[in-house]
Amino acid sequence: MHIIVGLGNPGKQYEFTRHNAGYLCLDYLAAKYDIKVNKIKFKSLVGEGSIKGEKVVLLKPTTFMNLSGEAVCEAVRFYKADWENVIVVYDDISLPLGALRIREKGSAGGHNGMKNIIYLSGTDTFPRIRLGVDSNGERDLADYVLGKFSNEDLKTFSSAVEDAVDAMEYMVKGDTQKAMNLFNKKGLGEGKGSKQ
């Protein structure tokens, strides 16, 4: 069983903001596999279903981004899940818009939601999908990530979401390496603020 976590902030004012990239990705995944993410448990909205015959739990923490670890750790304890089977999806300002990066483990890279998950779990050995939202050269990054996608940017971002969902199909089958090989090259060189 896999727990797939989309990071974001609850509330109408945060819908379609860059920082809610994880929520947007989870919504797309849920729609594709007809999984209702509407139960309230673990300080989250939760849905259970299957992807390619593999059982999954979809999790949208409602703790606000900086306390995401509270929700994720509660779910992991309840399901007695291995951290290697927890996939976290979130925004990354260091990647070009429309790019995605899959990793099997690693640091938080400055992302507050990830910092909290790593801090409370005591591990960074879980797979993650970073969705590029670009920094666009902005100095006030807090305002930028809480800003909404333009319609044009949302179209570009949506292609990364589709790739992320395709990648998850490999990841829940235990083939994260194949997902990395297929999708980590896509979208490079398309943004203005990439460091990678």
N, C-alpha and C. Protein backbone atom coordinates (compact mmCIF):
# COMPACT_ATOMS: atom_id res chain seq x y z
N MET A 1 0.82 -1.19 0.00
CA MET A 1 0.00 0.00 0.00
C MET A 1 0.87 1.26 0.00
N HIS A 2 0.45 2.26 -0.76
CA HIS A 2 1.16 3.54 -0.81
C HIS A 2 0.27 4.66 -0.27
N ILE A 3 0.89 5.59 0.42
CA ILE A 3 0.23 6.82 0.81
C ILE A 3 0.78 7.92 -0.10
N ILE A 4 -0.10 8.56 -0.86
CA ILE A 4 0.32 9.63 -1.77
C ILE A 4 -0.17 10.96 -1.19
N VAL A 5 0.76 11.84 -0.91
CA VAL A 5 0.46 13.10 -0.22
C VAL A 5 0.65 14.27 -1.18
N GLY A 6 -0.36 15.10 -1.29
CA GLY A 6 -0.24 16.34 -2.04
C GLY A 6 -0.20 17.50 -1.06
N LEU A 7 0.87 18.28 -1.08
CA LEU A 7 1.00 19.39 -0.12
C LEU A 7 0.33 20.66 -0.63
N GLY A 8 -0.25 21.40 0.31
CA GLY A 8 -0.91 22.65 -0.03
C GLY A 8 -1.51 23.29 1.21
N ASN A 9 -2.28 24.34 0.99
CA ASN A 9 -2.98 25.03 2.08
C ASN A 9 -4.49 24.93 1.84
N PRO A 10 -5.26 24.68 2.89
CA PRO A 10 -6.72 24.60 2.73
C PRO A 10 -7.34 25.99 2.58
N GLY A 11 -8.51 26.04 1.99
CA GLY A 11 -9.25 27.30 1.90
C GLY A 11 -9.31 27.82 0.47
N LYS A 12 -10.43 28.47 0.17
CA LYS A 12 -10.70 28.99 -1.18
C LYS A 12 -9.62 29.97 -1.64
N GLN A 13 -9.09 30.77 -0.70
CA GLN A 13 -8.13 31.81 -1.11
C GLN A 13 -6.83 31.23 -1.62
N TYR A 14 -6.58 29.93 -1.33
CA TYR A 14 -5.32 29.31 -1.77
C TYR A 14 -5.48 28.43 -3.01
N GLU A 15 -6.73 28.28 -3.48
CA GLU A 15 -6.94 27.45 -4.66
C GLU A 15 -6.18 28.02 -5.86
N PHE A 16 -5.57 27.13 -6.63
CA PHE A 16 -4.84 27.50 -7.86
C PHE A 16 -3.65 28.42 -7.59
N THR A 17 -3.12 28.40 -6.35
CA THR A 17 -1.86 29.11 -6.10
C THR A 17 -0.71 28.15 -6.36
N ARG A 18 0.47 28.71 -6.59
CA ARG A 18 1.64 27.88 -6.89
C ARG A 18 1.98 26.94 -5.74
N HIS A 19 1.79 27.43 -4.51
CA HIS A 19 2.12 26.62 -3.33
C HIS A 19 1.17 25.43 -3.18
N ASN A 20 0.05 25.45 -3.90
CA ASN A 20 -0.90 24.34 -3.84
C ASN A 20 -0.72 23.35 -4.98
N ALA A 21 0.46 23.35 -5.58
CA ALA A 21 0.75 22.43 -6.69
C ALA A 21 0.46 20.98 -6.29
N GLY A 22 0.82 20.61 -5.08
CA GLY A 22 0.60 19.23 -4.61
C GLY A 22 -0.88 18.88 -4.55
N TYR A 23 -1.69 19.81 -4.03
CA TYR A 23 -3.15 19.62 -3.99
C TYR A 23 -3.69 19.43 -5.41
N LEU A 24 -3.26 20.31 -6.33
CA LEU A 24 -3.77 20.25 -7.70
C LEU A 24 -3.44 18.92 -8.35
N CYS A 25 -2.24 18.43 -8.08
CA CYS A 25 -1.82 17.14 -8.64
C CYS A 25 -2.66 16.00 -8.06
N LEU A 26 -2.89 16.06 -6.76
CA LEU A 26 -3.69 15.01 -6.11
C LEU A 26 -5.13 15.02 -6.63
N ASP A 27 -5.68 16.21 -6.86
CA ASP A 27 -7.04 16.31 -7.40
C ASP A 27 -7.13 15.64 -8.77
N TYR A 28 -6.12 15.87 -9.61
CA TYR A 28 -6.09 15.27 -10.94
C TYR A 28 -6.00 13.74 -10.83
N LEU A 29 -5.12 13.27 -9.94
CA LEU A 29 -4.95 11.84 -9.72
C LEU A 29 -6.26 11.20 -9.25
N ALA A 30 -6.91 11.86 -8.29
CA ALA A 30 -8.16 11.35 -7.73
C ALA A 30 -9.24 11.27 -8.81
N ALA A 31 -9.31 12.30 -9.67
CA ALA A 31 -10.32 12.31 -10.73
C ALA A 31 -10.05 11.19 -11.74
N LYS A 32 -8.78 10.99 -12.08
CA LYS A 32 -8.42 9.96 -13.07
C LYS A 32 -8.80 8.56 -12.59
N TYR A 33 -8.60 8.31 -11.30
CA TYR A 33 -8.86 6.97 -10.76
C TYR A 33 -10.15 6.89 -9.95
N ASP A 34 -10.99 7.92 -10.07
CA ASP A 34 -12.30 7.94 -9.42
C ASP A 34 -12.20 7.64 -7.92
N ILE A 35 -11.27 8.34 -7.26
CA ILE A 35 -11.10 8.20 -5.81
C ILE A 35 -11.65 9.46 -5.15
N LYS A 36 -12.61 9.30 -4.27
CA LYS A 36 -13.20 10.44 -3.56
C LYS A 36 -12.31 10.81 -2.38
N VAL A 37 -11.75 12.01 -2.42
CA VAL A 37 -10.89 12.48 -1.32
C VAL A 37 -11.74 13.41 -0.47
N ASN A 38 -12.61 12.82 0.37
CA ASN A 38 -13.57 13.64 1.11
C ASN A 38 -13.76 13.22 2.57
N LYS A 39 -13.02 12.21 3.02
CA LYS A 39 -13.11 11.85 4.44
C LYS A 39 -12.17 12.75 5.23
N ILE A 40 -12.57 13.11 6.44
CA ILE A 40 -11.71 13.93 7.29
C ILE A 40 -11.07 13.04 8.35
N LYS A 41 -9.78 12.81 8.19
CA LYS A 41 -9.00 12.00 9.14
C LYS A 41 -7.56 12.51 9.10
N PHE A 42 -6.83 12.27 10.18
CA PHE A 42 -5.39 12.62 10.23
C PHE A 42 -5.14 14.09 9.90
N LYS A 43 -6.04 14.99 10.34
CA LYS A 43 -5.90 16.42 10.02
C LYS A 43 -5.76 16.61 8.51
N SER A 44 -6.51 15.84 7.75
CA SER A 44 -6.39 15.82 6.29
C SER A 44 -7.73 15.49 5.65
N LEU A 45 -7.81 15.74 4.35
CA LEU A 45 -8.84 15.13 3.51
C LEU A 45 -8.23 13.85 2.95
N VAL A 46 -8.97 12.75 3.05
CA VAL A 46 -8.41 11.43 2.73
C VAL A 46 -9.33 10.68 1.78
N GLY A 47 -8.73 9.91 0.88
CA GLY A 47 -9.47 9.01 0.01
C GLY A 47 -8.71 7.72 -0.16
N GLU A 48 -9.44 6.61 -0.26
CA GLU A 48 -8.80 5.31 -0.46
C GLU A 48 -9.28 4.73 -1.79
N GLY A 49 -8.36 4.09 -2.50
CA GLY A 49 -8.72 3.49 -3.78
C GLY A 49 -7.57 2.65 -4.29
N SER A 50 -7.51 2.49 -5.61
CA SER A 50 -6.40 1.72 -6.17
C SER A 50 -5.94 2.34 -7.49
N ILE A 51 -4.65 2.16 -7.76
CA ILE A 51 -4.03 2.60 -9.01
C ILE A 51 -3.31 1.39 -9.59
N LYS A 52 -3.71 1.01 -10.80
CA LYS A 52 -3.09 -0.14 -11.47
C LYS A 52 -3.07 -1.38 -10.56
N GLY A 53 -4.18 -1.57 -9.82
CA GLY A 53 -4.31 -2.75 -8.97
C GLY A 53 -3.62 -2.64 -7.62
N GLU A 54 -2.95 -1.50 -7.35
CA GLU A 54 -2.26 -1.31 -6.07
C GLU A 54 -3.08 -0.40 -5.17
N LYS A 55 -3.23 -0.80 -3.90
CA LYS A 55 -4.00 -0.01 -2.95
C LYS A 55 -3.27 1.29 -2.64
N VAL A 56 -4.03 2.41 -2.64
CA VAL A 56 -3.44 3.71 -2.31
C VAL A 56 -4.34 4.48 -1.37
N VAL A 57 -3.72 5.32 -0.57
CA VAL A 57 -4.42 6.30 0.25
C VAL A 57 -3.96 7.66 -0.23
N LEU A 58 -4.90 8.52 -0.60
CA LEU A 58 -4.57 9.87 -1.04
C LEU A 58 -4.81 10.82 0.13
N LEU A 59 -3.86 11.72 0.35
CA LEU A 59 -3.88 12.57 1.55
C LEU A 59 -3.62 14.02 1.18
N LYS A 60 -4.54 14.91 1.59
CA LYS A 60 -4.34 16.35 1.44
C LYS A 60 -4.34 16.96 2.85
N PRO A 61 -3.16 17.18 3.44
CA PRO A 61 -3.11 17.74 4.79
C PRO A 61 -3.82 19.10 4.85
N THR A 62 -4.59 19.31 5.93
CA THR A 62 -5.30 20.58 6.11
C THR A 62 -4.71 21.37 7.28
N THR A 63 -3.48 21.06 7.62
CA THR A 63 -2.79 21.70 8.75
C THR A 63 -2.16 23.03 8.37
N PHE A 64 -2.24 23.40 7.11
CA PHE A 64 -1.44 24.45 6.48
C PHE A 64 -0.03 23.91 6.28
N MET A 65 0.59 24.43 5.24
CA MET A 65 1.83 23.87 4.71
C MET A 65 2.90 23.59 5.76
N ASN A 66 3.16 24.56 6.64
CA ASN A 66 4.31 24.45 7.54
C ASN A 66 4.17 23.37 8.60
N LEU A 67 2.96 22.81 8.75
CA LEU A 67 2.74 21.74 9.74
C LEU A 67 2.31 20.43 9.05
N SER A 68 2.66 20.29 7.78
CA SER A 68 2.24 19.11 7.00
C SER A 68 2.66 17.80 7.66
N GLY A 69 3.80 17.80 8.33
CA GLY A 69 4.31 16.58 8.95
C GLY A 69 3.37 15.99 9.98
N GLU A 70 2.60 16.84 10.68
CA GLU A 70 1.66 16.33 11.68
C GLU A 70 0.66 15.38 11.04
N ALA A 71 0.11 15.80 9.91
CA ALA A 71 -0.88 14.99 9.20
C ALA A 71 -0.26 13.73 8.61
N VAL A 72 0.88 13.89 7.95
CA VAL A 72 1.50 12.76 7.26
C VAL A 72 1.94 11.69 8.26
N CYS A 73 2.58 12.11 9.34
CA CYS A 73 3.06 11.14 10.34
C CYS A 73 1.90 10.39 11.00
N GLU A 74 0.78 11.10 11.23
CA GLU A 74 -0.40 10.46 11.82
C GLU A 74 -0.93 9.35 10.89
N ALA A 75 -1.01 9.65 9.60
CA ALA A 75 -1.49 8.66 8.63
C ALA A 75 -0.55 7.47 8.53
N VAL A 76 0.75 7.74 8.49
CA VAL A 76 1.75 6.67 8.39
C VAL A 76 1.65 5.74 9.60
N ARG A 77 1.49 6.32 10.79
CA ARG A 77 1.35 5.49 12.00
C ARG A 77 0.08 4.65 11.94
N PHE A 78 -1.03 5.26 11.53
CA PHE A 78 -2.32 4.55 11.49
C PHE A 78 -2.26 3.36 10.54
N TYR A 79 -1.71 3.56 9.36
CA TYR A 79 -1.67 2.49 8.36
C TYR A 79 -0.45 1.57 8.52
N LYS A 80 0.41 1.91 9.51
CA LYS A 80 1.65 1.14 9.70
C LYS A 80 2.42 1.02 8.38
N ALA A 81 2.47 2.13 7.67
CA ALA A 81 3.10 2.15 6.34
C ALA A 81 4.61 2.31 6.47
N ASP A 82 5.33 1.77 5.50
CA ASP A 82 6.77 2.01 5.40
C ASP A 82 6.97 3.38 4.74
N TRP A 83 7.94 4.14 5.22
CA TRP A 83 8.19 5.46 4.64
C TRP A 83 8.60 5.37 3.18
N GLU A 84 9.18 4.24 2.78
CA GLU A 84 9.55 4.06 1.37
C GLU A 84 8.31 4.03 0.47
N ASN A 85 7.13 3.81 1.08
CA ASN A 85 5.88 3.75 0.32
C ASN A 85 5.03 5.01 0.49
N VAL A 86 5.67 6.08 0.94
CA VAL A 86 4.98 7.37 1.05
C VAL A 86 5.53 8.27 -0.06
N ILE A 87 4.67 8.74 -0.94
CA ILE A 87 5.08 9.62 -2.05
C ILE A 87 4.53 11.01 -1.76
N VAL A 88 5.42 12.00 -1.71
CA VAL A 88 5.00 13.38 -1.43
C VAL A 88 5.17 14.22 -2.69
N VAL A 89 4.12 14.96 -3.04
CA VAL A 89 4.12 15.81 -4.23
C VAL A 89 4.01 17.26 -3.79
N TYR A 90 4.90 18.12 -4.31
CA TYR A 90 4.89 19.52 -3.85
C TYR A 90 5.54 20.43 -4.88
N ASP A 91 5.37 21.75 -4.66
CA ASP A 91 5.88 22.78 -5.57
C ASP A 91 7.36 23.01 -5.35
N ASP A 92 8.06 23.42 -6.42
CA ASP A 92 9.49 23.74 -6.32
C ASP A 92 9.79 24.97 -7.17
N ILE A 93 10.21 26.05 -6.50
CA ILE A 93 10.51 27.29 -7.23
C ILE A 93 11.84 27.22 -7.99
N SER A 94 12.67 26.22 -7.67
CA SER A 94 13.96 26.14 -8.36
C SER A 94 13.88 25.38 -9.67
N LEU A 95 12.72 24.84 -9.99
CA LEU A 95 12.52 24.14 -11.26
C LEU A 95 11.70 25.00 -12.21
N PRO A 96 11.98 24.91 -13.51
CA PRO A 96 11.18 25.66 -14.48
C PRO A 96 9.71 25.23 -14.43
N LEU A 97 8.84 26.15 -14.74
CA LEU A 97 7.42 25.85 -14.81
C LEU A 97 7.20 24.71 -15.81
N GLY A 98 6.48 23.71 -15.39
CA GLY A 98 6.18 22.58 -16.28
C GLY A 98 7.16 21.43 -16.17
N ALA A 99 8.26 21.61 -15.41
CA ALA A 99 9.22 20.51 -15.20
C ALA A 99 8.83 19.74 -13.95
N LEU A 100 9.29 18.51 -13.85
CA LEU A 100 9.13 17.78 -12.59
C LEU A 100 10.38 16.98 -12.33
N ARG A 101 10.63 16.73 -11.05
CA ARG A 101 11.78 15.93 -10.64
C ARG A 101 11.32 14.90 -9.62
N ILE A 102 11.69 13.66 -9.87
CA ILE A 102 11.37 12.56 -8.97
C ILE A 102 12.66 12.14 -8.27
N ARG A 103 12.60 11.96 -6.96
CA ARG A 103 13.74 11.49 -6.18
C ARG A 103 13.27 10.41 -5.22
N GLU A 104 14.17 9.49 -4.89
CA GLU A 104 13.82 8.43 -3.94
C GLU A 104 13.99 8.88 -2.50
N LYS A 105 14.80 9.92 -2.28
CA LYS A 105 15.05 10.46 -0.94
C LYS A 105 15.78 11.77 -1.09
N GLY A 106 16.04 12.46 0.05
CA GLY A 106 16.81 13.69 -0.03
C GLY A 106 16.34 14.74 0.95
N SER A 107 16.99 15.90 0.89
CA SER A 107 16.69 16.98 1.83
C SER A 107 15.40 17.70 1.43
N ALA A 108 15.00 18.64 2.28
CA ALA A 108 13.77 19.41 2.03
C ALA A 108 13.99 20.47 0.96
N GLY A 109 15.25 20.84 0.71
CA GLY A 109 15.54 21.84 -0.32
C GLY A 109 14.90 23.19 -0.06
N GLY A 110 14.72 23.55 1.21
CA GLY A 110 14.15 24.86 1.54
C GLY A 110 12.63 24.90 1.57
N HIS A 111 11.97 23.78 1.31
CA HIS A 111 10.50 23.75 1.29
C HIS A 111 9.97 23.48 2.70
N ASN A 112 9.18 24.41 3.24
CA ASN A 112 8.76 24.32 4.64
C ASN A 112 7.89 23.10 4.95
N GLY A 113 7.02 22.73 4.02
CA GLY A 113 6.20 21.53 4.24
C GLY A 113 7.06 20.29 4.35
N MET A 114 8.03 20.17 3.45
CA MET A 114 8.94 19.03 3.48
C MET A 114 9.83 19.05 4.72
N LYS A 115 10.28 20.24 5.11
CA LYS A 115 11.10 20.36 6.33
C LYS A 115 10.35 19.76 7.52
N ASN A 116 9.06 20.09 7.63
CA ASN A 116 8.27 19.62 8.76
C ASN A 116 8.06 18.11 8.73
N ILE A 117 7.83 17.56 7.54
CA ILE A 117 7.67 16.11 7.41
C ILE A 117 8.96 15.39 7.83
N ILE A 118 10.09 15.87 7.33
CA ILE A 118 11.38 15.25 7.65
C ILE A 118 11.69 15.39 9.14
N TYR A 119 11.41 16.57 9.70
CA TYR A 119 11.68 16.81 11.12
C TYR A 119 10.85 15.88 12.01
N LEU A 120 9.55 15.78 11.76
CA LEU A 120 8.68 14.99 12.62
C LEU A 120 8.81 13.49 12.39
N SER A 121 9.17 13.08 11.18
CA SER A 121 9.30 11.65 10.89
C SER A 121 10.69 11.12 11.25
N GLY A 122 11.67 12.03 11.25
CA GLY A 122 13.05 11.61 11.51
C GLY A 122 13.69 10.89 10.35
N THR A 123 13.09 11.00 9.16
CA THR A 123 13.67 10.34 7.98
C THR A 123 13.47 11.21 6.75
N ASP A 124 14.40 11.06 5.79
CA ASP A 124 14.19 11.70 4.48
C ASP A 124 14.22 10.66 3.37
N THR A 125 14.08 9.38 3.78
CA THR A 125 14.16 8.30 2.78
C THR A 125 12.76 7.90 2.31
N PHE A 126 12.09 8.85 1.70
CA PHE A 126 10.80 8.57 1.06
C PHE A 126 10.78 9.28 -0.29
N PRO A 127 10.13 8.67 -1.28
CA PRO A 127 10.12 9.27 -2.62
C PRO A 127 9.29 10.55 -2.67
N ARG A 128 9.68 11.42 -3.58
CA ARG A 128 8.95 12.67 -3.73
C ARG A 128 8.95 13.12 -5.19
N ILE A 129 7.92 13.87 -5.54
CA ILE A 129 7.81 14.46 -6.88
C ILE A 129 7.73 15.97 -6.70
N ARG A 130 8.71 16.68 -7.25
CA ARG A 130 8.74 18.13 -7.18
C ARG A 130 8.20 18.70 -8.49
N LEU A 131 7.20 19.56 -8.38
CA LEU A 131 6.58 20.17 -9.55
C LEU A 131 7.10 21.60 -9.71
N GLY A 132 7.70 21.88 -10.86
CA GLY A 132 8.29 23.20 -11.08
C GLY A 132 7.26 24.30 -11.20
N VAL A 133 7.44 25.36 -10.39
CA VAL A 133 6.58 26.55 -10.50
C VAL A 133 7.42 27.78 -10.84
N ASP A 134 8.76 27.59 -10.96
CA ASP A 134 9.69 28.66 -11.29
C ASP A 134 9.65 29.75 -10.21
N SER A 135 10.71 30.53 -10.10
CA SER A 135 10.70 31.66 -9.15
C SER A 135 10.46 32.96 -9.90
N ASN A 136 10.60 32.90 -11.23
CA ASN A 136 10.31 34.05 -12.10
C ASN A 136 11.14 35.28 -11.72
N GLY A 137 12.27 35.05 -11.04
CA GLY A 137 13.13 36.16 -10.63
C GLY A 137 12.56 37.00 -9.50
N GLU A 138 11.49 36.51 -8.86
CA GLU A 138 10.84 37.29 -7.79
C GLU A 138 11.70 37.32 -6.54
N ARG A 139 11.72 38.48 -5.89
CA ARG A 139 12.46 38.59 -4.62
C ARG A 139 11.58 38.18 -3.45
N ASP A 140 10.30 38.58 -3.50
CA ASP A 140 9.38 38.21 -2.41
C ASP A 140 8.74 36.87 -2.74
N LEU A 141 9.46 35.81 -2.39
CA LEU A 141 9.01 34.47 -2.79
C LEU A 141 7.76 34.03 -2.05
N ALA A 142 7.57 34.51 -0.81
CA ALA A 142 6.37 34.13 -0.05
C ALA A 142 5.12 34.59 -0.80
N ASP A 143 5.12 35.85 -1.24
CA ASP A 143 3.97 36.36 -2.00
C ASP A 143 3.83 35.62 -3.33
N TYR A 144 4.97 35.35 -3.97
CA TYR A 144 4.95 34.69 -5.28
C TYR A 144 4.31 33.31 -5.21
N VAL A 145 4.75 32.48 -4.24
CA VAL A 145 4.20 31.11 -4.21
C VAL A 145 2.74 31.10 -3.78
N LEU A 146 2.31 32.14 -3.07
CA LEU A 146 0.90 32.22 -2.67
C LEU A 146 0.04 32.94 -3.71
N GLY A 147 0.71 33.33 -4.82
CA GLY A 147 -0.03 33.93 -5.94
C GLY A 147 -0.62 32.84 -6.83
N LYS A 148 -1.66 33.20 -7.55
CA LYS A 148 -2.36 32.23 -8.40
C LYS A 148 -1.67 32.11 -9.76
N PHE A 149 -1.77 30.91 -10.34
CA PHE A 149 -1.30 30.70 -11.70
C PHE A 149 -2.13 31.55 -12.66
N SER A 150 -1.49 32.11 -13.67
CA SER A 150 -2.26 32.70 -14.77
C SER A 150 -2.83 31.53 -15.59
N ASN A 151 -3.80 31.81 -16.43
CA ASN A 151 -4.40 30.74 -17.25
C ASN A 151 -3.35 30.09 -18.14
N GLU A 152 -2.45 30.91 -18.68
CA GLU A 152 -1.40 30.38 -19.57
C GLU A 152 -0.44 29.48 -18.78
N ASP A 153 -0.02 29.96 -17.60
CA ASP A 153 0.89 29.17 -16.77
C ASP A 153 0.23 27.87 -16.30
N LEU A 154 -1.06 27.96 -16.03
CA LEU A 154 -1.77 26.75 -15.57
C LEU A 154 -1.76 25.67 -16.64
N LYS A 155 -1.85 26.08 -17.91
CA LYS A 155 -1.78 25.10 -19.01
C LYS A 155 -0.42 24.40 -19.02
N THR A 156 0.66 25.19 -18.88
CA THR A 156 2.02 24.61 -18.85
C THR A 156 2.18 23.71 -17.64
N PHE A 157 1.71 24.19 -16.49
CA PHE A 157 1.82 23.41 -15.25
C PHE A 157 1.04 22.10 -15.36
N SER A 158 -0.11 22.14 -16.02
CA SER A 158 -0.96 20.94 -16.15
C SER A 158 -0.24 19.80 -16.85
N SER A 159 0.65 20.12 -17.77
CA SER A 159 1.39 19.05 -18.46
C SER A 159 2.31 18.33 -17.48
N ALA A 160 2.88 19.07 -16.52
CA ALA A 160 3.73 18.46 -15.49
C ALA A 160 2.89 17.58 -14.58
N VAL A 161 1.68 18.01 -14.28
CA VAL A 161 0.78 17.23 -13.43
C VAL A 161 0.43 15.91 -14.11
N GLU A 162 0.15 15.96 -15.40
CA GLU A 162 -0.15 14.73 -16.14
C GLU A 162 1.03 13.77 -16.10
N ASP A 163 2.24 14.31 -16.28
CA ASP A 163 3.45 13.48 -16.20
C ASP A 163 3.63 12.90 -14.80
N ALA A 164 3.35 13.71 -13.78
CA ALA A 164 3.50 13.26 -12.39
C ALA A 164 2.56 12.09 -12.11
N VAL A 165 1.34 12.18 -12.60
CA VAL A 165 0.36 11.11 -12.39
C VAL A 165 0.79 9.84 -13.14
N ASP A 166 1.31 10.01 -14.35
CA ASP A 166 1.85 8.86 -15.09
C ASP A 166 3.02 8.23 -14.32
N ALA A 167 3.86 9.08 -13.74
CA ALA A 167 5.02 8.59 -12.97
C ALA A 167 4.56 7.79 -11.75
N MET A 168 3.51 8.24 -11.11
CA MET A 168 3.00 7.55 -9.91
C MET A 168 2.57 6.12 -10.24
N GLU A 169 2.11 5.91 -11.46
CA GLU A 169 1.69 4.55 -11.85
C GLU A 169 2.87 3.59 -11.79
N TYR A 170 4.06 4.07 -12.12
CA TYR A 170 5.26 3.24 -11.98
C TYR A 170 5.67 3.14 -10.51
N MET A 171 5.57 4.25 -9.80
CA MET A 171 6.06 4.29 -8.42
C MET A 171 5.27 3.37 -7.49
N VAL A 172 3.96 3.30 -7.67
CA VAL A 172 3.17 2.40 -6.79
C VAL A 172 3.43 0.93 -7.12
N LYS A 173 3.99 0.68 -8.29
CA LYS A 173 4.39 -0.69 -8.66
C LYS A 173 5.81 -0.99 -8.19
N GLY A 174 6.43 -0.02 -7.51
CA GLY A 174 7.78 -0.24 -6.98
C GLY A 174 8.89 0.09 -7.96
N ASP A 175 8.56 0.82 -9.04
CA ASP A 175 9.57 1.13 -10.05
C ASP A 175 9.84 2.64 -10.14
N THR A 176 10.25 3.22 -9.01
CA THR A 176 10.56 4.65 -8.99
C THR A 176 11.70 4.98 -9.94
N GLN A 177 12.65 4.06 -10.07
CA GLN A 177 13.80 4.29 -10.95
C GLN A 177 13.35 4.49 -12.39
N LYS A 178 12.39 3.68 -12.82
CA LYS A 178 11.89 3.81 -14.20
C LYS A 178 11.17 5.15 -14.36
N ALA A 179 10.40 5.54 -13.34
CA ALA A 179 9.71 6.83 -13.38
C ALA A 179 10.72 7.97 -13.50
N MET A 180 11.82 7.87 -12.75
CA MET A 180 12.87 8.89 -12.82
C MET A 180 13.47 8.94 -14.22
N ASN A 181 13.77 7.78 -14.79
CA ASN A 181 14.37 7.73 -16.13
C ASN A 181 13.46 8.32 -17.19
N LEU A 182 12.16 8.08 -17.05
CA LEU A 182 11.21 8.54 -18.06
C LEU A 182 10.88 10.03 -17.95
N PHE A 183 10.80 10.54 -16.72
CA PHE A 183 10.22 11.88 -16.55
C PHE A 183 11.17 12.96 -16.06
N ASN A 184 12.34 12.60 -15.54
CA ASN A 184 13.21 13.63 -14.97
C ASN A 184 13.85 14.55 -16.00
N LYS A 185 13.88 14.15 -17.25
CA LYS A 185 14.48 15.01 -18.28
C LYS A 185 13.47 16.00 -18.88
N LYS A 186 12.19 15.71 -18.67
CA LYS A 186 11.16 16.53 -19.33
C LYS A 186 11.06 17.91 -18.69
N GLY A 187 10.88 18.92 -19.53
CA GLY A 187 10.61 20.26 -19.03
C GLY A 187 11.84 21.08 -18.71
N LEU A 188 13.04 20.53 -18.86
CA LEU A 188 14.24 21.31 -18.55
C LEU A 188 14.46 22.40 -19.58
N GLY A 189 14.94 23.55 -19.10
CA GLY A 189 15.29 24.63 -20.02
C GLY A 189 14.11 25.46 -20.45
N GLU A 190 12.93 25.23 -19.82
CA GLU A 190 11.75 25.98 -20.26
C GLU A 190 11.46 27.18 -19.36
N GLY A 191 12.12 27.23 -18.18
CA GLY A 191 11.79 28.29 -17.24
C GLY A 191 12.83 29.38 -17.22
N LYS A 192 12.54 30.41 -16.42
CA LYS A 192 13.45 31.55 -16.37
C LYS A 192 14.29 31.56 -15.11
N GLY A 193 13.89 30.80 -14.07
CA GLY A 193 14.59 30.92 -12.80
C GLY A 193 15.21 29.63 -12.31
N SER A 194 15.45 28.69 -13.20
CA SER A 194 15.91 27.37 -12.77
C SER A 194 17.34 27.40 -12.27
N LYS A 195 17.56 26.66 -11.18
CA LYS A 195 18.92 26.49 -10.68
C LYS A 195 19.44 25.10 -11.01
N GLN A 196 18.61 24.27 -11.62
CA GLN A 196 19.02 22.88 -11.82
C GLN A 196 18.97 22.49 -13.28
